[in-house]
C-alpha cells in the first residue's frame, strides 16, 4: 500500500479530488480530508476549547455510507484549531492526541503524514498550508493503483510543496508549530478557500 497526499488552495479543488477518487473505486475508508474550518459557513465561527486539549471533535469524524464528504465534522488539532475533517487520518489524529499529555506532545498531522510516508519537510509544509487555509487530501491505495491515483491528484492542481515551503521560509517560517496560534484568514482568503463549493 502507498499513501498519496496533496494540499489544495481551495476546498473546491479538494472536493473534486475526493469525488473523482471515489468514482474511480477508492473507498471512502481509504481517503482523508482535513480542511481549514473556514471552508464552511457552518464552522467558520466555531471554537472548541474542550476538544483542543484532548483531540476530541465536535461532530462526526467518519465517512458515511454516501461517501467521505457525508461524514465531515469538526476536530481540534493543536496549532490548527478546529478543522473540518473526515477519514482514517482524522480518526488517527483523535486517537493520538487523546493519548498525548496536554494534546500538544506530538506533531499531530505532521506525525500522521510522516508515518504514512511523507518526508518530514513536506509534512510540515502541508500542515502549515492547512493552517493557512488549504485542504489536505490523502488516499491509501494498492501499489498497482498508485500511478492512476496520483494522476487524479495532479489533475486538480495541488500546491507544490517545494515552492510553498520556500515562500513560507522567505517570511520567516521554519516549521509547523503545534503550540502556535490558529490562523484566521482574511475575508478575501476565505472566499478563495471556499471557491468551487461549500460544505
N, C-alpha and C. Protein backbone atom coordinates (compact mmCIF):
# COMPACT_ATOMS: atom_id res chain seq x y z
N UNK A 1 0.84 -1.20 0.00
CA UNK A 1 0.00 0.00 0.00
C UNK A 1 0.88 1.25 0.00
N UNK A 2 0.40 2.28 -0.68
CA UNK A 2 1.04 3.58 -0.67
C UNK A 2 0.03 4.62 -0.20
N UNK A 3 0.52 5.67 0.43
CA UNK A 3 -0.33 6.79 0.79
C UNK A 3 0.10 7.99 -0.03
N UNK A 4 -0.84 8.58 -0.73
CA UNK A 4 -0.58 9.74 -1.57
C UNK A 4 -1.29 10.92 -0.95
N UNK A 5 -0.56 12.01 -0.73
CA UNK A 5 -1.13 13.20 -0.07
C UNK A 5 -0.78 14.45 -0.84
N UNK A 6 -1.75 15.36 -0.93
CA UNK A 6 -1.53 16.67 -1.53
C UNK A 6 -2.42 17.69 -0.84
N UNK A 7 -2.03 18.95 -0.92
CA UNK A 7 -2.82 20.04 -0.37
C UNK A 7 -3.25 20.95 -1.51
N UNK A 8 -4.48 21.44 -1.40
CA UNK A 8 -5.07 22.32 -2.41
C UNK A 8 -5.39 23.66 -1.78
N UNK A 9 -5.27 24.72 -2.58
CA UNK A 9 -5.54 26.06 -2.06
C UNK A 9 -7.02 26.31 -1.84
N UNK A 10 -7.89 25.59 -2.54
CA UNK A 10 -9.33 25.77 -2.33
C UNK A 10 -9.99 24.45 -1.99
N UNK A 11 -11.05 24.56 -1.21
CA UNK A 11 -11.83 23.38 -0.89
C UNK A 11 -12.47 22.78 -2.14
N UNK A 12 -12.84 23.64 -3.09
CA UNK A 12 -13.44 23.15 -4.33
C UNK A 12 -12.54 22.17 -5.06
N UNK A 13 -11.25 22.46 -5.13
CA UNK A 13 -10.30 21.55 -5.76
C UNK A 13 -10.26 20.21 -5.01
N UNK A 14 -10.13 20.29 -3.68
CA UNK A 14 -10.03 19.08 -2.87
C UNK A 14 -11.29 18.24 -2.97
N UNK A 15 -12.45 18.89 -2.95
CA UNK A 15 -13.72 18.18 -3.06
C UNK A 15 -13.78 17.41 -4.39
N UNK A 16 -13.31 18.03 -5.46
CA UNK A 16 -13.30 17.36 -6.76
C UNK A 16 -12.39 16.15 -6.76
N UNK A 17 -11.26 16.25 -6.06
CA UNK A 17 -10.35 15.10 -5.96
C UNK A 17 -11.03 13.94 -5.25
N UNK A 18 -11.65 14.23 -4.10
CA UNK A 18 -12.33 13.18 -3.33
C UNK A 18 -13.42 12.52 -4.17
N UNK A 19 -14.22 13.32 -4.84
CA UNK A 19 -15.31 12.76 -5.66
C UNK A 19 -14.77 11.90 -6.80
N UNK A 20 -13.66 12.35 -7.41
CA UNK A 20 -13.10 11.56 -8.51
C UNK A 20 -12.45 10.28 -8.00
N UNK A 21 -11.80 10.35 -6.85
CA UNK A 21 -11.22 9.13 -6.26
C UNK A 21 -12.31 8.10 -6.00
N UNK A 22 -13.41 8.54 -5.39
CA UNK A 22 -14.50 7.61 -5.09
C UNK A 22 -15.13 7.08 -6.37
N UNK A 23 -15.26 7.92 -7.39
CA UNK A 23 -15.82 7.48 -8.67
C UNK A 23 -14.91 6.45 -9.36
N UNK A 24 -13.63 6.47 -9.00
CA UNK A 24 -12.67 5.52 -9.57
C UNK A 24 -12.40 4.32 -8.67
N UNK A 25 -13.31 4.09 -7.73
CA UNK A 25 -13.24 2.88 -6.93
C UNK A 25 -12.43 2.92 -5.66
N UNK A 26 -11.93 4.10 -5.27
CA UNK A 26 -11.20 4.20 -4.00
C UNK A 26 -12.22 4.37 -2.88
N UNK A 27 -12.19 3.47 -1.93
CA UNK A 27 -13.17 3.51 -0.84
C UNK A 27 -12.99 4.75 0.02
N UNK A 28 -14.11 5.31 0.50
CA UNK A 28 -14.01 6.46 1.40
C UNK A 28 -13.26 6.10 2.67
N UNK A 29 -13.17 4.81 3.00
CA UNK A 29 -12.41 4.39 4.18
C UNK A 29 -10.92 4.59 3.99
N UNK A 30 -10.47 4.74 2.74
CA UNK A 30 -9.05 4.92 2.45
C UNK A 30 -8.71 6.34 2.05
N UNK A 31 -9.62 7.27 2.27
CA UNK A 31 -9.41 8.68 1.91
C UNK A 31 -9.56 9.53 3.17
N UNK A 32 -8.75 10.57 3.25
CA UNK A 32 -8.86 11.55 4.34
C UNK A 32 -8.92 12.95 3.75
N UNK A 33 -9.70 13.80 4.38
CA UNK A 33 -9.74 15.21 4.04
C UNK A 33 -9.63 16.00 5.33
N UNK A 34 -8.70 16.95 5.37
CA UNK A 34 -8.55 17.85 6.51
C UNK A 34 -8.48 19.26 5.95
N UNK A 35 -9.43 20.11 6.36
CA UNK A 35 -9.53 21.46 5.80
C UNK A 35 -9.61 22.50 6.90
N UNK A 36 -9.08 23.66 6.60
CA UNK A 36 -9.28 24.82 7.46
C UNK A 36 -10.78 24.99 7.68
N UNK A 37 -11.20 25.30 8.89
CA UNK A 37 -12.63 25.35 9.19
C UNK A 37 -13.38 26.40 8.39
N UNK A 38 -12.66 27.35 7.83
CA UNK A 38 -13.32 28.44 7.10
C UNK A 38 -13.85 28.01 5.74
N UNK A 39 -13.64 26.73 5.37
CA UNK A 39 -14.25 26.25 4.12
C UNK A 39 -15.76 26.23 4.24
N UNK A 40 -16.27 26.27 5.45
CA UNK A 40 -17.70 26.13 5.67
C UNK A 40 -18.27 27.30 6.46
N UNK A 41 -19.37 27.87 5.98
CA UNK A 41 -20.06 28.91 6.74
C UNK A 41 -20.53 28.37 8.08
N UNK A 42 -20.84 27.09 8.13
CA UNK A 42 -21.35 26.49 9.36
C UNK A 42 -20.28 26.44 10.44
N UNK A 43 -19.00 26.37 10.04
CA UNK A 43 -17.92 26.17 11.01
C UNK A 43 -17.02 27.38 11.20
N UNK A 44 -17.18 28.44 10.42
CA UNK A 44 -16.18 29.49 10.44
C UNK A 44 -16.06 30.20 11.78
N UNK A 45 -17.13 30.26 12.57
CA UNK A 45 -17.05 30.91 13.87
C UNK A 45 -16.95 29.91 15.02
N UNK A 46 -16.74 28.62 14.67
CA UNK A 46 -16.70 27.58 15.70
C UNK A 46 -15.42 27.67 16.52
N UNK A 47 -15.56 27.37 17.79
CA UNK A 47 -14.41 27.20 18.65
C UNK A 47 -14.59 25.89 19.39
N UNK A 48 -13.49 25.30 19.81
CA UNK A 48 -13.57 24.03 20.52
C UNK A 48 -12.54 24.03 21.64
N UNK A 49 -12.85 24.74 22.72
CA UNK A 49 -11.90 24.83 23.80
C UNK A 49 -11.82 23.53 24.58
N UNK A 50 -12.89 22.73 24.60
CA UNK A 50 -12.82 21.48 25.33
C UNK A 50 -12.06 20.42 24.55
N UNK A 51 -12.22 20.38 23.24
CA UNK A 51 -11.58 19.35 22.44
C UNK A 51 -10.13 19.62 22.11
N UNK A 52 -9.70 20.88 22.21
CA UNK A 52 -8.34 21.22 21.80
C UNK A 52 -7.29 20.50 22.63
N UNK A 53 -7.61 20.21 23.87
CA UNK A 53 -6.62 19.55 24.73
C UNK A 53 -6.59 18.04 24.53
N UNK A 54 -7.71 17.46 24.12
CA UNK A 54 -7.78 16.00 24.05
C UNK A 54 -7.79 15.46 22.64
N UNK A 55 -8.02 16.34 21.67
CA UNK A 55 -8.17 15.87 20.30
C UNK A 55 -9.59 15.47 19.99
N UNK A 56 -10.50 15.69 20.92
CA UNK A 56 -11.90 15.33 20.68
C UNK A 56 -12.52 16.30 19.70
N UNK A 57 -13.43 15.81 18.91
CA UNK A 57 -14.11 16.66 17.93
C UNK A 57 -15.48 17.06 18.42
N UNK A 58 -16.12 17.94 17.68
CA UNK A 58 -17.49 18.31 17.96
C UNK A 58 -18.32 18.04 16.72
N UNK A 59 -18.29 16.82 16.28
CA UNK A 59 -19.02 16.42 15.08
C UNK A 59 -18.55 15.06 14.64
N UNK A 60 -19.19 14.51 13.65
CA UNK A 60 -18.82 13.18 13.16
C UNK A 60 -17.45 13.24 12.50
N UNK A 61 -16.62 12.25 12.79
CA UNK A 61 -15.32 12.13 12.14
C UNK A 61 -15.23 10.72 11.56
N UNK A 62 -16.09 10.44 10.62
CA UNK A 62 -16.09 9.13 9.96
C UNK A 62 -16.81 9.26 8.65
N UNK A 63 -16.37 8.50 7.65
CA UNK A 63 -17.03 8.52 6.36
C UNK A 63 -18.40 7.88 6.47
N UNK A 64 -19.43 8.51 5.94
CA UNK A 64 -20.76 7.93 5.93
C UNK A 64 -20.95 7.04 4.73
N UNK A 65 -22.08 6.36 4.68
CA UNK A 65 -22.35 5.46 3.58
C UNK A 65 -22.42 6.16 2.23
N UNK A 66 -22.70 7.46 2.24
CA UNK A 66 -22.80 8.21 0.99
C UNK A 66 -21.46 8.73 0.53
N UNK A 67 -20.38 8.35 1.20
CA UNK A 67 -19.05 8.79 0.81
C UNK A 67 -18.40 9.63 1.89
N UNK A 68 -17.12 9.89 1.68
CA UNK A 68 -16.33 10.59 2.68
C UNK A 68 -16.92 11.94 3.05
N UNK A 69 -17.35 12.71 2.06
CA UNK A 69 -17.79 14.08 2.32
C UNK A 69 -19.05 14.14 3.17
N UNK A 70 -19.81 13.03 3.21
CA UNK A 70 -21.01 12.99 4.04
C UNK A 70 -20.67 12.88 5.52
N UNK A 71 -19.43 12.50 5.83
CA UNK A 71 -19.05 12.30 7.23
C UNK A 71 -18.18 13.38 7.81
N UNK A 72 -18.09 14.52 7.16
CA UNK A 72 -17.23 15.59 7.67
C UNK A 72 -17.73 16.12 9.01
N UNK A 73 -16.80 16.42 9.88
CA UNK A 73 -17.13 17.00 11.17
C UNK A 73 -16.00 17.89 11.63
N UNK A 74 -16.12 18.45 12.81
CA UNK A 74 -15.14 19.38 13.34
C UNK A 74 -14.22 18.66 14.32
N UNK A 75 -12.92 18.89 14.17
CA UNK A 75 -11.91 18.26 15.00
C UNK A 75 -10.89 19.31 15.41
N UNK A 76 -10.50 19.33 16.66
CA UNK A 76 -9.49 20.29 17.12
C UNK A 76 -8.11 19.66 17.05
N UNK A 77 -7.18 20.33 16.36
CA UNK A 77 -5.79 19.87 16.26
C UNK A 77 -4.90 21.00 16.76
N UNK A 78 -4.01 20.73 17.71
CA UNK A 78 -3.15 21.79 18.24
C UNK A 78 -2.40 22.52 17.12
N UNK A 79 -2.42 23.86 17.19
CA UNK A 79 -1.75 24.68 16.20
C UNK A 79 -2.62 24.98 14.99
N UNK A 80 -3.61 24.12 14.73
CA UNK A 80 -4.55 24.36 13.64
C UNK A 80 -5.87 24.89 14.15
N UNK A 81 -6.19 24.56 15.41
CA UNK A 81 -7.51 24.87 15.94
C UNK A 81 -8.53 23.92 15.35
N UNK A 82 -9.80 24.28 15.37
CA UNK A 82 -10.81 23.40 14.78
C UNK A 82 -10.62 23.31 13.27
N UNK A 83 -10.64 22.08 12.76
CA UNK A 83 -10.58 21.85 11.32
C UNK A 83 -11.77 20.98 10.93
N UNK A 84 -12.16 21.09 9.67
CA UNK A 84 -13.19 20.21 9.12
C UNK A 84 -12.46 18.98 8.60
N UNK A 85 -12.89 17.79 9.04
CA UNK A 85 -12.12 16.60 8.70
C UNK A 85 -12.99 15.36 8.64
N UNK A 86 -12.48 14.36 7.93
CA UNK A 86 -13.08 13.03 7.90
C UNK A 86 -12.05 12.06 7.36
N UNK A 87 -12.19 10.79 7.72
CA UNK A 87 -11.33 9.76 7.16
C UNK A 87 -10.37 9.16 8.17
N UNK A 88 -9.54 8.25 7.66
CA UNK A 88 -8.66 7.47 8.53
C UNK A 88 -7.64 8.32 9.28
N UNK A 89 -7.06 9.33 8.63
CA UNK A 89 -6.05 10.15 9.31
C UNK A 89 -6.69 11.03 10.38
N UNK A 90 -7.93 11.49 10.14
CA UNK A 90 -8.64 12.27 11.15
C UNK A 90 -8.89 11.41 12.38
N UNK A 91 -9.31 10.17 12.15
CA UNK A 91 -9.54 9.26 13.28
C UNK A 91 -8.22 8.98 14.01
N UNK A 92 -7.13 8.83 13.27
CA UNK A 92 -5.82 8.60 13.90
C UNK A 92 -5.40 9.80 14.73
N UNK A 93 -5.71 11.01 14.24
CA UNK A 93 -5.37 12.22 14.99
C UNK A 93 -6.10 12.27 16.32
N UNK A 94 -7.37 11.88 16.31
CA UNK A 94 -8.14 11.85 17.55
C UNK A 94 -7.50 10.90 18.55
N UNK A 95 -7.18 9.69 18.10
CA UNK A 95 -6.59 8.70 18.99
C UNK A 95 -5.23 9.11 19.50
N UNK A 96 -4.39 9.65 18.63
CA UNK A 96 -3.05 10.03 19.02
C UNK A 96 -3.06 11.19 20.00
N UNK A 97 -3.90 12.19 19.74
CA UNK A 97 -3.91 13.35 20.62
C UNK A 97 -4.58 13.04 21.95
N UNK A 98 -5.52 12.11 21.94
CA UNK A 98 -6.16 11.73 23.20
C UNK A 98 -5.15 11.08 24.13
N UNK A 99 -4.12 10.44 23.54
CA UNK A 99 -3.09 9.79 24.36
C UNK A 99 -1.92 10.67 24.69
N UNK A 100 -1.89 11.90 24.18
CA UNK A 100 -0.77 12.80 24.42
C UNK A 100 -1.09 13.74 25.56
N UNK A 101 -0.15 13.92 26.47
CA UNK A 101 -0.36 14.83 27.60
C UNK A 101 -0.56 16.24 27.09
N UNK A 102 -1.69 16.83 27.41
CA UNK A 102 -1.96 18.20 27.01
C UNK A 102 -2.32 18.35 25.55
N UNK A 103 -2.28 17.27 24.79
CA UNK A 103 -2.68 17.34 23.40
C UNK A 103 -1.66 17.94 22.47
N UNK A 104 -0.49 18.38 22.95
CA UNK A 104 0.49 19.00 22.07
C UNK A 104 1.85 18.32 22.17
N UNK A 105 1.90 17.14 22.74
CA UNK A 105 3.18 16.46 22.89
C UNK A 105 3.65 15.83 21.60
N UNK A 106 2.79 15.78 20.60
CA UNK A 106 3.16 15.21 19.31
C UNK A 106 2.88 16.23 18.22
N UNK A 107 3.33 15.93 17.02
CA UNK A 107 3.13 16.84 15.91
C UNK A 107 1.78 16.71 15.25
N UNK A 108 0.89 15.84 15.77
CA UNK A 108 -0.45 15.72 15.21
C UNK A 108 -0.42 15.32 13.75
N UNK A 109 -0.88 16.20 12.88
CA UNK A 109 -0.97 15.91 11.46
C UNK A 109 0.42 15.67 10.86
N UNK A 110 1.43 16.38 11.34
CA UNK A 110 2.80 16.15 10.85
C UNK A 110 3.20 14.71 11.06
N UNK A 111 2.97 14.19 12.27
CA UNK A 111 3.35 12.81 12.57
C UNK A 111 2.57 11.81 11.73
N UNK A 112 1.30 12.07 11.52
CA UNK A 112 0.48 11.16 10.71
C UNK A 112 1.00 11.12 9.28
N UNK A 113 1.36 12.28 8.75
CA UNK A 113 1.86 12.33 7.38
C UNK A 113 3.22 11.64 7.25
N UNK A 114 4.11 11.87 8.20
CA UNK A 114 5.43 11.22 8.10
C UNK A 114 5.31 9.72 8.30
N UNK A 115 4.44 9.28 9.19
CA UNK A 115 4.22 7.84 9.39
C UNK A 115 3.67 7.18 8.13
N UNK A 116 2.90 7.94 7.35
CA UNK A 116 2.31 7.37 6.14
C UNK A 116 3.24 7.49 4.93
N UNK A 117 4.44 8.05 5.12
CA UNK A 117 5.42 8.03 4.04
C UNK A 117 5.88 9.37 3.51
N UNK A 118 5.28 10.48 3.96
CA UNK A 118 5.73 11.79 3.50
C UNK A 118 7.06 12.14 4.18
N UNK A 119 7.87 12.93 3.50
CA UNK A 119 9.09 13.44 4.13
C UNK A 119 8.69 14.40 5.25
N UNK A 120 9.57 14.56 6.21
CA UNK A 120 9.25 15.47 7.32
C UNK A 120 9.07 16.90 6.80
N UNK A 121 9.89 17.30 5.83
CA UNK A 121 9.78 18.65 5.27
C UNK A 121 8.41 18.88 4.64
N UNK A 122 7.96 17.93 3.80
CA UNK A 122 6.66 18.07 3.16
C UNK A 122 5.54 18.02 4.19
N UNK A 123 5.68 17.18 5.20
CA UNK A 123 4.64 17.08 6.23
C UNK A 123 4.46 18.41 6.94
N UNK A 124 5.55 19.11 7.22
CA UNK A 124 5.45 20.42 7.88
C UNK A 124 4.83 21.45 6.94
N UNK A 125 5.23 21.43 5.67
CA UNK A 125 4.67 22.39 4.70
C UNK A 125 3.18 22.13 4.52
N UNK A 126 2.79 20.87 4.35
CA UNK A 126 1.38 20.54 4.16
C UNK A 126 0.53 20.96 5.36
N UNK A 127 1.04 20.70 6.56
CA UNK A 127 0.28 21.06 7.76
C UNK A 127 0.17 22.57 7.90
N UNK A 128 1.25 23.28 7.61
CA UNK A 128 1.20 24.74 7.65
C UNK A 128 0.24 25.27 6.59
N UNK A 129 0.21 24.62 5.42
CA UNK A 129 -0.71 25.04 4.36
C UNK A 129 -2.16 24.89 4.81
N UNK A 130 -2.47 23.81 5.53
CA UNK A 130 -3.82 23.65 6.08
C UNK A 130 -4.10 24.75 7.10
N UNK A 131 -3.12 25.04 7.94
CA UNK A 131 -3.29 26.10 8.95
C UNK A 131 -3.65 27.42 8.27
N UNK A 132 -3.05 27.67 7.12
CA UNK A 132 -3.26 28.95 6.43
C UNK A 132 -4.45 28.93 5.47
N UNK A 133 -5.22 27.86 5.46
CA UNK A 133 -6.44 27.85 4.68
C UNK A 133 -6.57 26.75 3.66
N UNK A 134 -5.55 25.92 3.50
CA UNK A 134 -5.60 24.87 2.50
C UNK A 134 -6.40 23.66 2.94
N UNK A 135 -6.55 22.71 2.02
CA UNK A 135 -7.25 21.46 2.29
C UNK A 135 -6.37 20.30 1.88
N UNK A 136 -6.11 19.41 2.83
CA UNK A 136 -5.31 18.21 2.59
C UNK A 136 -6.21 17.05 2.18
N UNK A 137 -5.79 16.32 1.15
CA UNK A 137 -6.45 15.07 0.78
C UNK A 137 -5.37 13.99 0.76
N UNK A 138 -5.64 12.86 1.40
CA UNK A 138 -4.75 11.71 1.38
C UNK A 138 -5.54 10.47 0.98
N UNK A 139 -4.89 9.59 0.25
CA UNK A 139 -5.53 8.33 -0.13
C UNK A 139 -4.54 7.19 0.06
N UNK A 140 -5.01 6.10 0.67
CA UNK A 140 -4.22 4.87 0.79
C UNK A 140 -4.65 3.95 -0.34
N UNK A 141 -3.70 3.55 -1.17
CA UNK A 141 -4.04 2.76 -2.35
C UNK A 141 -3.04 1.62 -2.53
N UNK A 142 -3.47 0.59 -3.26
CA UNK A 142 -2.58 -0.51 -3.60
C UNK A 142 -1.47 0.00 -4.51
N UNK A 143 -0.30 -0.61 -4.42
CA UNK A 143 0.84 -0.18 -5.22
C UNK A 143 0.50 -0.07 -6.70
N UNK A 144 -0.26 -1.05 -7.21
CA UNK A 144 -0.56 -1.07 -8.64
C UNK A 144 -1.51 0.06 -9.06
N UNK A 145 -2.20 0.69 -8.10
CA UNK A 145 -3.10 1.80 -8.41
C UNK A 145 -2.47 3.17 -8.19
N UNK A 146 -1.23 3.20 -7.69
CA UNK A 146 -0.62 4.46 -7.26
C UNK A 146 -0.49 5.47 -8.40
N UNK A 147 -0.02 5.04 -9.56
CA UNK A 147 0.16 5.99 -10.67
C UNK A 147 -1.17 6.57 -11.12
N UNK A 148 -2.19 5.74 -11.22
CA UNK A 148 -3.51 6.19 -11.65
C UNK A 148 -4.08 7.19 -10.64
N UNK A 149 -3.94 6.90 -9.36
CA UNK A 149 -4.47 7.78 -8.32
C UNK A 149 -3.66 9.08 -8.25
N UNK A 150 -2.34 8.97 -8.39
CA UNK A 150 -1.51 10.17 -8.38
C UNK A 150 -1.91 11.13 -9.50
N UNK A 151 -2.27 10.57 -10.66
CA UNK A 151 -2.70 11.40 -11.80
C UNK A 151 -3.97 12.17 -11.47
N UNK A 152 -4.88 11.56 -10.70
CA UNK A 152 -6.10 12.25 -10.28
C UNK A 152 -5.75 13.44 -9.39
N UNK A 153 -4.84 13.23 -8.45
CA UNK A 153 -4.42 14.32 -7.57
C UNK A 153 -3.81 15.48 -8.37
N UNK A 154 -2.90 15.14 -9.28
CA UNK A 154 -2.17 16.16 -10.03
C UNK A 154 -3.10 16.93 -10.96
N UNK A 155 -4.09 16.26 -11.50
CA UNK A 155 -5.05 16.87 -12.43
C UNK A 155 -5.73 18.10 -11.81
N UNK A 156 -5.87 18.13 -10.49
CA UNK A 156 -6.61 19.20 -9.81
C UNK A 156 -5.70 20.28 -9.22
N UNK A 157 -4.44 20.32 -9.68
CA UNK A 157 -3.52 21.43 -9.39
C UNK A 157 -3.23 21.63 -7.90
N UNK A 158 -2.58 20.63 -7.26
CA UNK A 158 -2.20 20.82 -5.85
C UNK A 158 -1.06 21.82 -5.71
N UNK A 159 -0.82 22.25 -4.49
CA UNK A 159 0.32 23.13 -4.25
C UNK A 159 1.61 22.35 -4.51
N UNK A 160 2.65 23.07 -4.87
CA UNK A 160 4.00 22.50 -4.98
C UNK A 160 4.66 22.68 -3.62
N UNK A 161 4.90 21.60 -2.87
CA UNK A 161 5.42 21.77 -1.51
C UNK A 161 6.81 22.39 -1.46
N UNK A 162 7.63 22.18 -2.50
CA UNK A 162 8.95 22.81 -2.52
C UNK A 162 8.82 24.33 -2.66
N UNK A 163 8.01 24.75 -3.62
CA UNK A 163 7.79 26.17 -3.84
C UNK A 163 7.10 26.82 -2.65
N UNK A 164 6.06 26.18 -2.13
CA UNK A 164 5.33 26.75 -1.00
C UNK A 164 6.23 26.83 0.24
N UNK A 165 7.05 25.82 0.45
CA UNK A 165 7.98 25.85 1.58
C UNK A 165 8.95 27.02 1.48
N UNK A 166 9.45 27.28 0.26
CA UNK A 166 10.36 28.42 0.07
C UNK A 166 9.64 29.73 0.35
N UNK A 167 8.38 29.82 -0.09
CA UNK A 167 7.61 31.05 0.17
C UNK A 167 7.41 31.26 1.67
N UNK A 168 7.08 30.19 2.39
CA UNK A 168 6.89 30.31 3.84
C UNK A 168 8.19 30.71 4.53
N UNK A 169 9.30 30.07 4.13
CA UNK A 169 10.58 30.37 4.78
C UNK A 169 11.03 31.80 4.50
N UNK A 170 10.68 32.33 3.32
CA UNK A 170 11.04 33.71 2.99
C UNK A 170 10.36 34.69 3.95
N UNK A 171 9.24 34.27 4.54
CA UNK A 171 8.53 35.10 5.50
C UNK A 171 8.93 34.83 6.95
N UNK A 172 9.95 34.02 7.15
CA UNK A 172 10.45 33.74 8.50
C UNK A 172 9.97 32.43 9.11
N UNK A 173 9.10 31.70 8.42
CA UNK A 173 8.60 30.41 8.92
C UNK A 173 9.72 29.38 8.85
N UNK A 174 9.76 28.45 9.81
CA UNK A 174 10.75 27.37 9.75
C UNK A 174 10.11 25.99 9.74
N UNK A 175 9.05 25.82 10.53
CA UNK A 175 8.36 24.54 10.59
C UNK A 175 7.02 24.75 11.29
N UNK A 176 6.10 23.80 11.09
CA UNK A 176 4.80 23.91 11.75
C UNK A 176 4.97 23.81 13.26
N UNK A 177 4.31 24.70 13.98
CA UNK A 177 4.39 24.74 15.43
C UNK A 177 3.04 24.36 16.03
N UNK A 178 2.92 23.16 16.63
CA UNK A 178 1.63 22.76 17.20
C UNK A 178 1.19 23.63 18.38
N UNK A 179 2.11 24.43 18.92
CA UNK A 179 1.74 25.34 20.01
C UNK A 179 1.41 26.74 19.51
N UNK A 180 1.47 26.93 18.20
CA UNK A 180 1.21 28.24 17.63
C UNK A 180 -0.27 28.58 17.63
N UNK A 181 -0.55 29.85 17.41
CA UNK A 181 -1.94 30.32 17.36
C UNK A 181 -2.57 29.92 16.03
N UNK A 182 -3.80 29.42 16.06
CA UNK A 182 -4.50 29.15 14.79
C UNK A 182 -4.60 30.41 13.95
N UNK A 183 -4.59 30.23 12.66
CA UNK A 183 -4.60 31.33 11.70
C UNK A 183 -6.03 31.69 11.32
N UNK A 184 -6.33 32.99 11.24
CA UNK A 184 -7.65 33.42 10.79
C UNK A 184 -7.49 34.11 9.44
N UNK A 185 -7.99 33.50 8.37
CA UNK A 185 -7.85 34.11 7.05
C UNK A 185 -8.64 35.41 6.94
N UNK A 186 -8.21 36.25 6.01
CA UNK A 186 -8.95 37.48 5.71
C UNK A 186 -10.20 37.12 4.91
N UNK A 187 -11.17 38.05 4.80
CA UNK A 187 -12.37 37.75 4.01
C UNK A 187 -12.06 37.33 2.58
N UNK A 188 -11.06 37.96 1.94
CA UNK A 188 -10.73 37.57 0.57
C UNK A 188 -10.11 36.17 0.53
N UNK A 189 -9.32 35.83 1.55
CA UNK A 189 -8.76 34.48 1.61
C UNK A 189 -9.86 33.44 1.83
N UNK A 190 -10.84 33.75 2.67
CA UNK A 190 -11.95 32.82 2.90
C UNK A 190 -12.71 32.57 1.60
N UNK A 191 -12.92 33.61 0.83
CA UNK A 191 -13.60 33.44 -0.46
C UNK A 191 -12.80 32.51 -1.37
N UNK A 192 -11.48 32.69 -1.38
CA UNK A 192 -10.62 31.81 -2.19
C UNK A 192 -10.62 30.39 -1.67
N UNK A 193 -10.61 30.21 -0.36
CA UNK A 193 -10.63 28.88 0.24
C UNK A 193 -11.89 28.12 -0.17
N UNK A 194 -13.01 28.83 -0.20
CA UNK A 194 -14.30 28.18 -0.48
C UNK A 194 -14.58 28.00 -1.97
N UNK A 195 -13.80 28.59 -2.81
CA UNK A 195 -14.05 28.59 -4.24
C UNK A 195 -14.38 27.18 -4.75
N UNK A 196 -15.47 27.07 -5.47
CA UNK A 196 -15.82 25.78 -6.06
C UNK A 196 -16.84 25.01 -5.26
N UNK A 197 -17.30 25.53 -4.15
CA UNK A 197 -18.36 24.83 -3.42
C UNK A 197 -18.24 24.99 -1.93
N UNK A 198 -19.37 24.90 -1.28
CA UNK A 198 -19.44 24.99 0.17
C UNK A 198 -19.72 23.61 0.73
N UNK A 199 -19.39 23.42 2.00
CA UNK A 199 -19.76 22.19 2.71
C UNK A 199 -21.23 22.29 3.08
